[in-house]
Amino acid sequence: MAIGTAGLTAALAVTRLLAVGGLEGSELPYLVSGASGGVGSFAVALLAVLGRRVVAVSGKPEAAAYLQALGASQVIGREEACDQSGRALLAARWAGGVDAVGGALLSTLLRSTAPFGAVAACGNVQEARFEANVYPFILRGVSLLGIESAQYPLALRTLLWQRLAGDWRSAWERVKVMESSLTELPAQLALMREGRLAGRVVVNLAS
């Protein structure tokens, strides 16, 4: 349960990202937004375990040490990751990325991904809408990958779980997991709503 839907979604995002993105061996890092959350923390850890350099985006400065322990080579704030210039294309800064935020951050990531890179979109923490133009797609060949884990075919889902239990196990073992009783859960949910919770919470129904 520590892996849960968030871990499965991150595994699916990273699998598709590396399969589609044509930047094997690139020295450019991958960007992960919402990095201290469930999907983001798994994505950071998994990309790092797979030998990719990762830059994590978080609005929580206090989470920097945790994200570096997951494998991030650098942690940046949302302001640095969001471009407000309105330019159609930006300097190629990323090999690709996993975005759990949406909004301006997703728009910036698409415009600053290197040629033939890919961006896996799996959340809307910031905003469900984002501005886009065709230039990242027709001038750089960037791919935007929609990630949806609930209807993912069972046979392929099983393969991902097998990898998470096998050669990817060291990735999710890095993720911070806290156990909570039902009586403690309201306090944990309050921290989550305030943006002060990093990692995963597993509810122990027997306590």
Protein backbone atom coordinates (compact mmCIF):
# COMPACT_ATOMS: atom_id res chain seq x y z
CA MET A 1 0.00 0.00 0.00
CA ALA A 2 2.98 2.31 0.38
CA ILE A 3 3.35 2.17 -3.41
CA GLY A 4 -0.35 2.48 -4.18
CA THR A 5 -1.83 4.26 -7.19
CA ALA A 6 0.78 7.03 -6.95
CA GLY A 7 3.67 4.59 -7.33
CA LEU A 8 1.98 2.75 -10.18
CA THR A 9 1.25 6.05 -11.96
CA ALA A 10 4.88 7.14 -11.59
CA ALA A 11 6.10 3.79 -12.91
CA LEU A 12 3.81 4.09 -15.92
CA ALA A 13 4.91 7.68 -16.54
CA VAL A 14 8.61 6.85 -16.40
CA THR A 15 8.16 3.72 -18.54
CA ARG A 16 6.39 5.64 -21.30
CA LEU A 17 8.71 8.64 -20.97
CA LEU A 18 11.85 6.58 -21.56
CA ALA A 19 10.24 4.47 -24.28
CA VAL A 20 9.07 7.45 -26.35
CA GLY A 21 11.72 10.07 -25.62
CA GLY A 22 14.56 9.73 -28.11
CA LEU A 23 17.32 11.08 -25.87
CA GLU A 24 19.13 7.98 -24.64
CA GLY A 25 22.53 9.04 -23.34
CA SER A 26 21.59 12.72 -23.17
CA GLU A 27 23.41 14.75 -20.54
CA LEU A 28 20.35 16.91 -20.00
CA PRO A 29 18.38 16.22 -16.79
CA TYR A 30 14.75 15.22 -16.46
CA LEU A 31 12.40 17.56 -14.62
CA VAL A 32 9.88 16.24 -12.10
CA SER A 33 7.23 18.64 -10.82
CA GLY A 34 5.25 18.21 -7.61
CA ALA A 35 8.29 16.25 -6.56
CA SER A 36 7.56 15.89 -2.84
CA GLY A 37 4.11 14.40 -3.48
CA GLY A 38 3.22 10.76 -4.02
CA VAL A 39 3.66 10.52 -7.79
CA GLY A 40 6.54 13.01 -7.88
CA SER A 41 8.62 11.34 -5.18
CA PHE A 42 8.30 7.94 -6.84
CA ALA A 43 9.20 9.45 -10.23
CA VAL A 44 12.31 11.14 -8.82
CA ALA A 45 13.49 7.93 -7.18
CA LEU A 46 12.77 5.73 -10.18
CA LEU A 47 14.47 7.99 -12.71
CA ALA A 48 17.50 8.23 -10.43
CA VAL A 49 17.69 4.45 -9.99
CA LEU A 50 17.51 4.10 -13.78
CA GLY A 51 20.57 6.31 -14.10
CA ARG A 52 18.94 9.57 -15.19
CA ARG A 53 19.85 12.95 -13.75
CA VAL A 54 16.82 14.50 -12.10
CA VAL A 55 15.91 18.07 -11.20
CA ALA A 56 13.02 18.19 -8.73
CA VAL A 57 10.54 21.06 -8.52
CA SER A 58 8.92 21.74 -5.17
CA GLY A 59 7.18 24.60 -3.45
CA LYS A 60 8.46 23.29 -0.11
CA PRO A 61 12.04 24.45 0.58
CA GLU A 62 12.14 22.19 3.64
CA ALA A 63 11.73 19.14 1.34
CA ALA A 64 15.05 19.70 -0.46
CA ALA A 65 17.06 17.26 1.66
CA TYR A 66 14.39 14.58 1.26
CA LEU A 67 14.30 15.00 -2.53
CA GLN A 68 18.09 14.79 -2.73
CA ALA A 69 17.93 11.57 -0.69
CA LEU A 70 15.51 10.23 -3.31
CA GLY A 71 18.13 10.90 -5.97
CA ALA A 72 17.51 14.44 -7.23
CA SER A 73 20.72 16.16 -8.28
CA GLN A 74 19.10 19.58 -7.83
CA VAL A 75 15.95 21.02 -6.28
CA ILE A 76 14.40 24.21 -7.65
CA GLY A 77 11.34 26.27 -6.74
CA ARG A 78 8.19 26.67 -8.80
CA GLU A 79 9.13 30.23 -9.77
CA GLU A 80 12.32 29.06 -11.46
CA ALA A 81 10.46 26.30 -13.29
CA CYS A 82 7.70 28.56 -14.65
CA ASP A 83 8.36 30.97 -17.51
CA GLN A 84 6.05 33.96 -17.79
CA SER A 85 7.61 35.51 -20.91
CA GLY A 86 5.07 34.04 -23.31
CA ARG A 87 7.79 32.99 -25.78
CA ALA A 88 6.74 30.18 -28.09
CA LEU A 89 9.97 28.23 -27.46
CA LEU A 90 12.58 28.38 -24.73
CA ALA A 91 16.17 27.15 -24.52
CA ALA A 92 16.31 23.35 -24.53
CA ARG A 93 16.90 22.67 -20.85
CA TRP A 94 15.38 19.25 -20.17
CA ALA A 95 15.55 15.79 -21.74
CA GLY A 96 11.93 15.43 -20.70
CA GLY A 97 9.89 15.33 -17.56
CA VAL A 98 7.10 14.02 -15.39
CA ASP A 99 4.51 16.67 -14.59
CA ALA A 100 1.98 16.29 -11.79
CA VAL A 101 1.15 20.00 -11.60
CA GLY A 102 -0.28 21.24 -14.91
CA GLY A 103 -0.83 24.93 -15.63
CA ALA A 104 2.10 27.22 -16.33
CA LEU A 105 4.64 24.62 -15.25
CA LEU A 106 3.51 22.10 -17.86
CA SER A 107 3.50 24.83 -20.50
CA THR A 108 7.06 25.83 -19.60
CA LEU A 109 8.27 22.24 -19.53
CA LEU A 110 6.96 21.56 -23.03
CA ARG A 111 8.60 24.72 -24.41
CA SER A 112 11.96 23.93 -22.78
CA THR A 113 12.23 20.21 -23.59
CA ALA A 114 15.02 19.27 -25.99
CA PRO A 115 14.33 17.90 -29.49
CA PHE A 116 12.71 14.44 -29.46
CA GLY A 117 12.21 14.52 -25.71
CA ALA A 118 8.91 13.66 -24.02
CA VAL A 119 6.77 14.96 -21.17
CA ALA A 120 4.46 12.67 -19.19
CA ALA A 121 1.46 14.57 -17.78
CA CYS A 122 -0.36 12.97 -14.86
CA GLY A 123 -1.79 15.67 -12.60
CA ASN A 124 -3.35 19.08 -12.13
CA VAL A 125 -2.22 20.24 -8.69
CA GLN A 126 -1.66 23.79 -9.97
CA GLU A 127 -4.32 24.01 -12.67
CA ALA A 128 -6.17 21.74 -15.08
CA ARG A 129 -5.69 24.13 -18.00
CA PHE A 130 -2.42 25.14 -19.65
CA GLU A 131 -1.40 27.28 -22.60
CA ALA A 132 0.36 25.60 -25.51
CA ASN A 133 1.41 26.16 -29.10
CA VAL A 134 2.46 23.77 -31.83
CA TYR A 135 6.16 24.72 -31.99
CA PRO A 136 7.53 22.24 -29.41
CA PHE A 137 5.81 19.48 -31.40
CA ILE A 138 6.54 20.51 -35.00
CA LEU A 139 9.99 22.11 -34.56
CA ARG A 140 11.45 19.86 -31.86
CA GLY A 141 9.41 16.68 -32.14
CA VAL A 142 8.51 16.79 -28.44
CA SER A 143 5.88 14.25 -27.31
CA LEU A 144 3.18 14.98 -24.71
CA LEU A 145 2.15 11.72 -23.04
CA GLY A 146 -1.11 11.45 -21.12
CA ILE A 147 -0.82 9.12 -18.12
CA GLU A 148 -3.95 7.38 -16.81
CA SER A 149 -3.44 4.39 -14.52
CA ALA A 150 -7.00 3.42 -13.56
CA GLN A 151 -7.91 1.84 -16.92
CA TYR A 152 -4.42 0.58 -17.75
CA PRO A 153 -4.64 -2.99 -19.13
CA LEU A 154 -4.27 -5.66 -16.44
CA ALA A 155 -1.52 -7.58 -18.24
CA LEU A 156 0.64 -4.45 -18.54
CA ARG A 157 -0.24 -3.39 -14.99
CA THR A 158 0.98 -6.78 -13.76
CA LEU A 159 4.31 -6.29 -15.53
CA LEU A 160 4.78 -2.93 -13.79
CA TRP A 161 4.00 -4.42 -10.38
CA GLN A 162 6.50 -7.20 -11.05
CA ARG A 163 9.19 -4.63 -11.84
CA LEU A 164 8.32 -2.60 -8.73
CA ALA A 165 8.70 -5.80 -6.69
CA GLY A 166 11.92 -6.71 -8.49
CA ASP A 167 14.62 -4.58 -10.11
CA TRP A 168 12.82 -1.30 -9.29
CA ARG A 169 12.36 -2.13 -5.62
CA SER A 170 15.26 0.05 -4.50
CA ALA A 171 13.46 3.09 -5.96
CA TRP A 172 10.29 2.94 -3.88
CA GLU A 173 12.23 1.87 -0.79
CA ARG A 174 13.76 5.38 -0.82
CA VAL A 175 10.32 7.03 -0.52
CA LYS A 176 9.35 8.29 2.91
CA VAL A 177 6.42 6.28 4.29
CA MET A 178 4.55 7.16 7.48
CA GLU A 179 2.04 4.93 9.23
CA SER A 180 -1.13 6.45 10.65
CA SER A 181 -4.05 5.15 12.66
CA LEU A 182 -7.59 6.18 11.79
CA THR A 183 -7.67 8.56 14.75
CA GLU A 184 -4.43 10.22 13.60
CA LEU A 185 -5.61 10.53 10.00
CA PRO A 186 -7.40 13.93 10.29
CA ALA A 187 -4.12 15.53 11.41
CA GLN A 188 -2.25 13.97 8.48
CA LEU A 189 -4.94 15.18 6.05
CA ALA A 190 -4.67 18.69 7.48
CA LEU A 191 -0.91 18.68 6.83
CA MET A 192 -1.57 17.47 3.29
CA ARG A 193 -4.05 20.28 2.59
CA GLU A 194 -1.55 22.81 3.94
CA GLY A 195 1.19 21.47 1.66
CA ARG A 196 3.34 20.38 4.60
CA LEU A 197 3.35 16.63 4.00
CA ALA A 198 6.06 14.85 1.99
CA GLY A 199 6.05 11.20 1.02
CA ARG A 200 3.30 8.67 1.65
CA VAL A 201 0.91 7.86 4.48
CA VAL A 202 -0.33 4.30 5.01
CA VAL A 203 -3.40 3.89 7.23
CA ASN A 204 -3.20 0.99 9.65
CA LEU A 205 -6.82 -0.08 10.12
CA ALA A 206 -5.89 -2.34 13.02
CA SER A 207 -4.53 0.49 15.17
